[in-house]
């Protein structure tokens, strides 16, 4: 293999830097674009069983073009099918695989040119697992499409190193997810806990969660998602998952569900603050905790304290908030300062993951079985 020139060496260095800092992948694509004098690039993870782009960067693409691509056009991209069959670190161009006699392929390539100005491409692809692969492609316009072989020759010597960097980025991000899960699950033991991805699929579960699933007393798993056998209850859970995993303004949720043998279960779904990482197939988006309420004979305030780690004073204030009383009235009734009531109220909202007193009152009333 020929020695890398200075530009190729800088690109490989940038790729391995991005492997441990996901925010640097755009910098890598910019370096390749500058070195190859291409018009734009694609970098992302593809689900080659569906053709969908899990996550991607489209460099020098319009916002509208990006939205259309990730919104559905990706499944018609002939590269989505190509990456399912390539070897590790394969390099190819559109001349190797685009079937212009196929209406699907030709229509897609026309869309790509009309929307993005991209005509020809040279690409690197490699499988990540049985379902996913990454793709990295660099595009030329129609007038300079004859240079596509030069782009291939530039990428070929460094394709193996770029493939290793992308694999490392994928492994590194999975490790970060695992570290988060280990920390989170340690803090919520002994609750049954599920880590959900952006699409609502279960990414991780602890031993108690596995026991809940195996028992069939509340949830089961279908296609990797939590499933409740009663349609009405399942609809509630689905709505809560959708709200908690929403990309914008995710909302926490809680429900008291009745499982088999009349047992009551308290389910909480908490959004996870997250950022978009390129080398992640399904970003952790929400944490679900499940607890069996073996007895409802304990006082309501004791139950709230146990479920939400409220202090005695916070539980007393929460009881008054549930009744709809304002801070001044609560202060007078409990012999506190109004400022103290407001401080307790903020802590109660933080611990119960509610935003308004009305939302808190609904949750606490729900737990009381009313």
Protein backbone atom coordinates (compact mmCIF):
# COMPACT_ATOMS: atom_id res chain seq x y z
CA UNK A 1 0.00 0.00 0.00
CA UNK A 2 1.32 3.42 -0.94
CA UNK A 3 2.35 5.75 1.89
CA UNK A 4 -0.20 8.36 2.86
CA UNK A 5 0.45 11.89 1.75
CA UNK A 6 0.14 14.81 4.15
CA UNK A 7 -3.56 15.43 3.41
CA UNK A 8 -4.44 11.77 3.86
CA UNK A 9 -2.51 11.60 7.14
CA UNK A 10 -4.41 14.64 8.49
CA UNK A 11 -7.71 13.02 7.55
CA UNK A 12 -6.86 9.75 9.33
CA UNK A 13 -5.75 11.71 12.40
CA UNK A 14 -9.05 13.62 12.35
CA UNK A 15 -11.00 10.36 12.06
CA UNK A 16 -9.43 8.82 15.16
CA UNK A 17 -9.97 12.06 17.07
CA UNK A 18 -13.67 11.91 16.10
CA UNK A 19 -13.85 8.29 17.29
CA UNK A 20 -13.59 9.53 20.88
CA UNK A 21 -15.29 12.90 20.37
CA UNK A 22 -18.42 12.52 18.28
CA UNK A 23 -18.65 16.27 17.63
CA UNK A 24 -15.54 16.10 15.41
CA UNK A 25 -17.04 14.00 12.60
CA UNK A 26 -18.16 17.10 10.65
CA UNK A 27 -14.57 18.37 10.80
CA UNK A 28 -13.42 15.10 9.24
CA UNK A 29 -15.85 15.36 6.33
CA UNK A 30 -14.81 18.98 5.71
CA UNK A 31 -11.16 17.90 5.49
CA UNK A 32 -11.98 15.21 2.91
CA UNK A 33 -14.12 17.62 0.89
CA UNK A 34 -11.27 20.14 0.81
CA UNK A 35 -8.67 17.52 -0.16
CA UNK A 36 -10.77 15.89 -2.90
CA UNK A 37 -12.47 19.10 -4.10
CA UNK A 38 -15.85 17.39 -3.85
CA UNK A 39 -19.15 19.20 -3.51
CA UNK A 40 -20.61 17.58 -0.39
CA UNK A 41 -20.65 14.47 1.72
CA UNK A 42 -22.77 11.94 3.59
CA UNK A 43 -21.66 10.29 6.81
CA UNK A 44 -23.94 8.16 8.90
CA UNK A 45 -25.31 4.86 10.07
CA UNK A 46 -27.72 2.96 7.84
CA UNK A 47 -30.13 0.21 8.76
CA UNK A 48 -29.58 -1.96 5.70
CA UNK A 49 -32.62 -4.13 6.48
CA UNK A 50 -34.95 -1.16 5.96
CA UNK A 51 -32.76 1.31 4.09
CA UNK A 52 -33.39 3.99 6.72
CA UNK A 53 -30.65 6.34 7.87
CA UNK A 54 -30.36 6.03 11.65
CA UNK A 55 -28.29 9.20 11.99
CA UNK A 56 -26.28 11.14 9.47
CA UNK A 57 -24.48 14.30 8.47
CA UNK A 58 -25.12 15.75 5.03
CA UNK A 59 -22.38 18.32 4.49
CA UNK A 60 -23.17 21.27 2.22
CA UNK A 61 -26.78 20.11 1.92
CA UNK A 62 -29.78 22.37 2.36
CA UNK A 63 -31.92 21.94 5.45
CA UNK A 64 -34.81 20.93 3.20
CA UNK A 65 -32.67 18.34 1.44
CA UNK A 66 -31.58 16.88 4.78
CA UNK A 67 -35.17 16.70 6.05
CA UNK A 68 -36.33 14.95 2.89
CA UNK A 69 -33.43 12.48 3.01
CA UNK A 70 -33.85 11.36 6.62
CA UNK A 71 -37.63 11.66 6.26
CA UNK A 72 -37.85 8.90 3.68
CA UNK A 73 -35.64 9.38 0.63
CA UNK A 74 -32.80 7.43 2.27
CA UNK A 75 -34.68 4.17 1.72
CA UNK A 76 -34.48 4.72 -2.05
CA UNK A 77 -30.75 5.52 -2.02
CA UNK A 78 -29.01 2.72 -3.97
CA UNK A 79 -26.20 2.93 -1.41
CA UNK A 80 -28.59 1.74 1.30
CA UNK A 81 -28.72 -1.58 -0.53
CA UNK A 82 -25.04 -1.54 -1.45
CA UNK A 83 -23.79 -1.37 2.14
CA UNK A 84 -25.61 -4.61 2.98
CA UNK A 85 -23.23 -6.51 0.72
CA UNK A 86 -19.89 -4.74 1.02
CA UNK A 87 -16.85 -6.02 2.85
CA UNK A 88 -15.02 -4.23 5.62
CA UNK A 89 -13.76 -0.86 4.44
CA UNK A 90 -14.93 -1.32 0.85
CA UNK A 91 -14.48 1.60 -1.55
CA UNK A 92 -16.74 1.99 -4.55
CA UNK A 93 -18.27 4.61 -6.85
CA UNK A 94 -21.72 5.07 -8.33
CA UNK A 95 -20.41 3.48 -11.53
CA UNK A 96 -19.98 0.21 -9.62
CA UNK A 97 -23.50 -0.20 -8.32
CA UNK A 98 -26.14 2.29 -9.50
CA UNK A 99 -28.60 0.59 -11.84
CA UNK A 100 -29.81 3.42 -14.04
CA UNK A 101 -32.33 1.08 -15.65
CA UNK A 102 -34.10 0.80 -12.29
CA UNK A 103 -36.84 3.46 -11.96
CA UNK A 104 -36.27 3.59 -8.19
CA UNK A 105 -32.54 4.23 -8.51
CA UNK A 106 -32.82 6.67 -11.40
CA UNK A 107 -35.59 8.64 -9.67
CA UNK A 108 -33.53 8.83 -6.50
CA UNK A 109 -30.39 9.99 -8.33
CA UNK A 110 -32.46 12.64 -10.10
CA UNK A 111 -33.84 13.81 -6.73
CA UNK A 112 -30.31 13.92 -5.33
CA UNK A 113 -29.05 16.06 -8.18
CA UNK A 114 -32.08 18.37 -8.25
CA UNK A 115 -32.13 18.88 -4.48
CA UNK A 116 -28.45 18.65 -3.54
CA UNK A 117 -26.56 19.19 -6.79
CA UNK A 118 -24.81 15.83 -6.31
CA UNK A 119 -24.30 13.64 -9.36
CA UNK A 120 -21.50 11.10 -8.79
CA UNK A 121 -20.07 9.66 -5.59
CA UNK A 122 -17.16 7.71 -4.19
CA UNK A 123 -17.92 5.88 -0.97
CA UNK A 124 -16.51 3.86 1.91
CA UNK A 125 -18.81 1.46 3.75
CA UNK A 126 -18.48 -1.21 6.38
CA UNK A 127 -20.81 -3.33 8.45
CA UNK A 128 -21.25 -2.60 12.15
CA UNK A 129 -23.43 -5.60 12.97
CA UNK A 130 -25.97 -7.88 11.28
CA UNK A 131 -28.35 -4.99 10.77
CA UNK A 132 -26.35 -1.77 10.58
CA UNK A 133 -23.52 -0.37 8.52
CA UNK A 134 -21.87 3.00 8.21
CA UNK A 135 -21.50 4.84 4.96
CA UNK A 136 -19.22 7.73 4.05
CA UNK A 137 -19.63 9.18 0.57
CA UNK A 138 -18.22 12.22 -1.23
CA UNK A 139 -20.05 13.74 -4.16
CA UNK A 140 -19.26 15.60 -7.34
CA UNK A 141 -21.52 17.64 -9.56
CA UNK A 142 -22.37 16.73 -13.13
CA UNK A 143 -19.70 18.96 -14.68
CA UNK A 144 -16.83 17.38 -12.76
CA UNK A 145 -18.16 13.82 -12.49
CA UNK A 146 -15.20 12.62 -14.57
CA UNK A 147 -12.96 13.13 -11.53
CA UNK A 148 -14.75 10.46 -9.49
CA UNK A 149 -11.98 7.90 -10.09
CA UNK A 150 -9.46 10.39 -8.69
CA UNK A 151 -11.58 10.62 -5.53
CA UNK A 152 -11.67 6.82 -5.29
CA UNK A 153 -7.90 6.66 -5.61
CA UNK A 154 -7.51 9.25 -2.85
CA UNK A 155 -9.81 7.31 -0.48
CA UNK A 156 -8.59 3.78 -1.20
CA UNK A 157 -5.25 3.91 0.69
CA UNK A 158 -6.90 5.30 3.84
CA UNK A 159 -10.17 3.36 3.67
CA UNK A 160 -8.97 0.72 6.14
CA UNK A 161 -7.91 3.33 8.69
CA UNK A 162 -11.16 5.27 8.29
CA UNK A 163 -13.10 2.04 8.73
CA UNK A 164 -11.21 1.31 11.96
CA UNK A 165 -11.93 4.82 13.26
CA UNK A 166 -15.63 4.50 12.53
CA UNK A 167 -15.76 1.09 14.20
CA UNK A 168 -13.94 2.55 17.20
CA UNK A 169 -16.44 5.42 17.36
CA UNK A 170 -19.30 2.93 17.29
CA UNK A 171 -17.76 0.84 20.09
CA UNK A 172 -16.87 3.92 22.14
CA UNK A 173 -20.41 5.26 22.02
CA UNK A 174 -21.86 1.88 22.96
CA UNK A 175 -19.48 1.85 25.91
CA UNK A 176 -20.72 5.29 26.98
CA UNK A 177 -24.30 4.00 26.88
CA UNK A 178 -23.30 0.98 28.96
CA UNK A 179 -21.51 3.18 31.52
CA UNK A 180 -24.59 5.39 31.79
CA UNK A 181 -26.78 2.33 32.31
CA UNK A 182 -24.54 0.88 35.00
CA UNK A 183 -24.61 4.16 36.90
CA UNK A 184 -28.35 4.67 36.49
CA UNK A 185 -29.27 1.10 37.41
CA UNK A 186 -27.15 1.25 40.56
CA UNK A 187 -29.07 4.32 41.71
CA UNK A 188 -32.53 2.87 41.13
CA UNK A 189 -32.05 -0.59 42.61
CA UNK A 190 -34.27 -2.36 43.73
CA UNK A 191 -36.75 -1.11 41.12
CA UNK A 192 -37.29 -2.88 37.83
CA UNK A 193 -35.75 -0.59 35.22
CA UNK A 194 -35.74 -0.36 31.43
CA UNK A 195 -33.58 1.94 29.27
CA UNK A 196 -35.45 3.02 26.13
CA UNK A 197 -34.03 4.31 22.88
CA UNK A 198 -35.36 7.13 20.73
CA UNK A 199 -37.75 4.79 18.94
CA UNK A 200 -39.09 3.34 22.18
CA UNK A 201 -37.20 0.06 21.92
CA UNK A 202 -35.73 -1.43 25.09
CA UNK A 203 -31.93 -1.05 25.01
CA UNK A 204 -31.14 -2.41 28.49
CA UNK A 205 -32.99 -3.88 31.45
CA UNK A 206 -31.88 -4.89 34.92
CA UNK A 207 -32.48 -8.26 36.59
CA UNK A 208 -35.73 -7.18 38.25
CA UNK A 209 -37.02 -5.93 34.90
CA UNK A 210 -36.17 -9.29 33.34
CA UNK A 211 -38.15 -10.96 36.13
CA UNK A 212 -41.18 -8.71 35.48
CA UNK A 213 -41.06 -9.62 31.78
CA UNK A 214 -40.60 -13.33 32.48
CA UNK A 215 -43.50 -13.40 34.93
CA UNK A 216 -45.91 -11.87 32.43
CA UNK A 217 -47.64 -10.11 35.34
CA UNK A 218 -47.47 -6.67 33.73
CA UNK A 219 -45.37 -6.14 30.61
CA UNK A 220 -44.13 -8.36 27.87
CA UNK A 221 -41.79 -7.46 25.02
CA UNK A 222 -42.93 -7.35 21.41
CA UNK A 223 -40.47 -6.36 18.69
CA UNK A 224 -38.26 -5.01 21.45
CA UNK A 225 -40.92 -2.68 22.86
CA UNK A 226 -42.86 -2.79 26.11
CA UNK A 227 -46.29 -4.30 25.53
CA UNK A 228 -49.24 -4.30 27.92
CA UNK A 229 -51.92 -6.93 27.17
CA UNK A 230 -54.90 -4.64 27.88
CA UNK A 231 -55.47 -2.31 24.93
CA UNK A 232 -56.50 0.67 27.03
CA UNK A 233 -53.51 0.38 29.36
CA UNK A 234 -51.18 -0.25 26.42
CA UNK A 235 -52.36 2.95 24.77
CA UNK A 236 -51.49 4.86 27.97
CA UNK A 237 -48.00 3.37 28.06
CA UNK A 238 -47.44 4.06 24.35
CA UNK A 239 -48.48 7.69 24.82
CA UNK A 240 -46.13 8.05 27.81
CA UNK A 241 -43.21 6.51 25.90
CA UNK A 242 -43.86 8.77 22.91
CA UNK A 243 -43.95 11.83 25.16
CA UNK A 244 -40.81 10.91 27.09
CA UNK A 245 -38.75 10.08 23.98
CA UNK A 246 -39.86 13.10 21.94
CA UNK A 247 -36.84 14.92 20.43
CA UNK A 248 -38.21 18.31 21.50
CA UNK A 249 -39.68 19.08 24.94
CA UNK A 250 -39.86 15.47 26.20
CA UNK A 251 -42.34 14.96 29.01
CA UNK A 252 -42.10 12.59 32.00
CA UNK A 253 -45.02 10.32 32.72
CA UNK A 254 -46.39 8.14 35.49
CA UNK A 255 -49.23 5.67 35.73
CA UNK A 256 -50.74 3.28 38.21
CA UNK A 257 -51.55 0.08 36.33
CA UNK A 258 -53.35 -3.06 37.39
CA UNK A 259 -51.60 -6.27 36.43
CA UNK A 260 -52.54 -9.90 36.88
CA UNK A 261 -54.12 -11.04 40.15
CA UNK A 262 -55.27 -7.49 40.79
CA UNK A 263 -51.76 -6.29 41.69
CA UNK A 264 -51.04 -2.59 41.29
CA UNK A 265 -47.87 -1.39 39.64
CA UNK A 266 -46.46 2.13 39.63
CA UNK A 267 -44.72 2.99 36.35
CA UNK A 268 -42.58 6.08 35.81
CA UNK A 269 -41.01 7.18 32.52
CA UNK A 270 -38.30 9.82 32.80
CA UNK A 271 -36.70 11.54 29.78
CA UNK A 272 -32.91 11.49 29.55
CA UNK A 273 -31.03 14.62 28.54
CA UNK A 274 -29.18 13.62 25.40
CA UNK A 275 -27.28 15.01 22.45
CA UNK A 276 -27.16 13.74 18.92
CA UNK A 277 -24.23 11.34 18.37
CA UNK A 278 -23.47 10.15 14.85
CA UNK A 279 -22.05 6.73 15.69
CA UNK A 280 -25.06 5.71 17.78
CA UNK A 281 -27.82 3.58 16.33
CA UNK A 282 -30.40 4.28 19.01
CA UNK A 283 -29.63 7.04 21.52
CA UNK A 284 -30.80 6.37 25.11
CA UNK A 285 -33.85 8.58 25.51
CA UNK A 286 -35.87 7.53 28.57
CA UNK A 287 -35.68 5.50 31.75
CA UNK A 288 -38.67 3.40 32.82
CA UNK A 289 -38.97 2.23 36.41
CA UNK A 290 -41.62 -0.19 37.63
CA UNK A 291 -42.60 -0.97 41.20
CA UNK A 292 -45.19 -3.34 42.60
CA UNK A 293 -47.36 -1.64 45.21
CA UNK A 294 -47.85 -4.67 47.42
CA UNK A 295 -50.05 -2.81 49.88
CA UNK A 296 -52.06 0.38 49.69
CA UNK A 297 -52.67 0.39 53.45
CA UNK A 298 -49.77 2.73 54.17
CA UNK A 299 -50.57 6.43 54.38
CA UNK A 300 -50.53 8.39 51.16
CA UNK A 301 -47.72 10.61 52.38
CA UNK A 302 -45.62 7.57 53.31
CA UNK A 303 -46.19 6.16 49.83
CA UNK A 304 -45.15 9.44 48.20
CA UNK A 305 -42.03 9.57 50.35
CA UNK A 306 -41.08 6.05 49.34
CA UNK A 307 -41.71 6.50 45.61
CA UNK A 308 -40.20 9.96 45.18
CA UNK A 309 -37.72 10.22 48.08
CA UNK A 310 -39.64 13.14 49.56
CA UNK A 311 -38.71 14.43 52.99
CA UNK A 312 -41.35 14.55 55.73
CA UNK A 313 -41.78 18.29 55.20
CA UNK A 314 -42.01 17.89 51.41
CA UNK A 315 -44.67 15.19 51.78
CA UNK A 316 -46.72 17.51 54.01
CA UNK A 317 -46.47 20.33 51.45
CA UNK A 318 -47.28 17.92 48.60
CA UNK A 319 -50.46 16.91 50.41
CA UNK A 320 -51.56 20.54 50.56
CA UNK A 321 -50.60 21.18 46.93
CA UNK A 322 -52.77 18.21 45.96
CA UNK A 323 -55.68 20.03 47.59
CA UNK A 324 -55.04 23.05 45.36
CA UNK A 325 -53.92 25.44 48.09
CA UNK A 326 -51.61 28.38 47.25
CA UNK A 327 -48.23 28.87 48.94
CA UNK A 328 -49.45 31.50 51.41
CA UNK A 329 -52.34 29.32 52.62
CA UNK A 330 -50.04 26.28 52.93
CA UNK A 331 -47.54 28.35 54.93
CA UNK A 332 -50.22 29.45 57.35
CA UNK A 333 -51.67 25.95 57.71
CA UNK A 334 -48.30 24.24 58.26
CA UNK A 335 -46.63 27.01 60.25
CA UNK A 336 -43.96 27.68 57.62
CA UNK A 337 -42.73 30.74 55.78
CA UNK A 338 -44.13 31.17 52.27
CA UNK A 339 -40.57 31.18 50.90
CA UNK A 340 -39.96 27.80 52.56
CA UNK A 341 -43.14 26.41 50.99
CA UNK A 342 -41.97 27.61 47.57
CA UNK A 343 -38.56 25.95 48.11
CA UNK A 344 -40.25 22.67 49.08
CA UNK A 345 -42.57 22.98 46.07
CA UNK A 346 -39.62 23.29 43.70
CA UNK A 347 -37.97 20.21 45.21
CA UNK A 348 -41.24 18.27 44.97
CA UNK A 349 -41.59 19.14 41.28
CA UNK A 350 -37.97 18.12 40.65
CA UNK A 351 -38.37 14.76 42.42
CA UNK A 352 -41.75 13.93 40.87
CA UNK A 353 -40.69 15.30 37.48
CA UNK A 354 -43.78 17.47 37.23
CA UNK A 355 -43.88 21.08 36.05
CA UNK A 356 -47.13 22.46 37.42
CA UNK A 357 -49.12 22.02 40.61
CA UNK A 358 -52.07 20.71 38.62
CA UNK A 359 -49.85 18.01 37.07
CA UNK A 360 -48.53 17.12 40.52
CA UNK A 361 -52.05 16.94 41.96
CA UNK A 362 -53.13 14.61 39.16
CA UNK A 363 -50.16 12.30 39.80
CA UNK A 364 -50.66 12.16 43.57
CA UNK A 365 -54.40 11.62 43.20
CA UNK A 366 -53.70 8.82 40.73
CA UNK A 367 -51.44 7.12 43.26
CA UNK A 368 -54.17 7.39 45.86
CA UNK A 369 -56.34 5.32 43.53
CA UNK A 370 -58.93 8.08 43.16
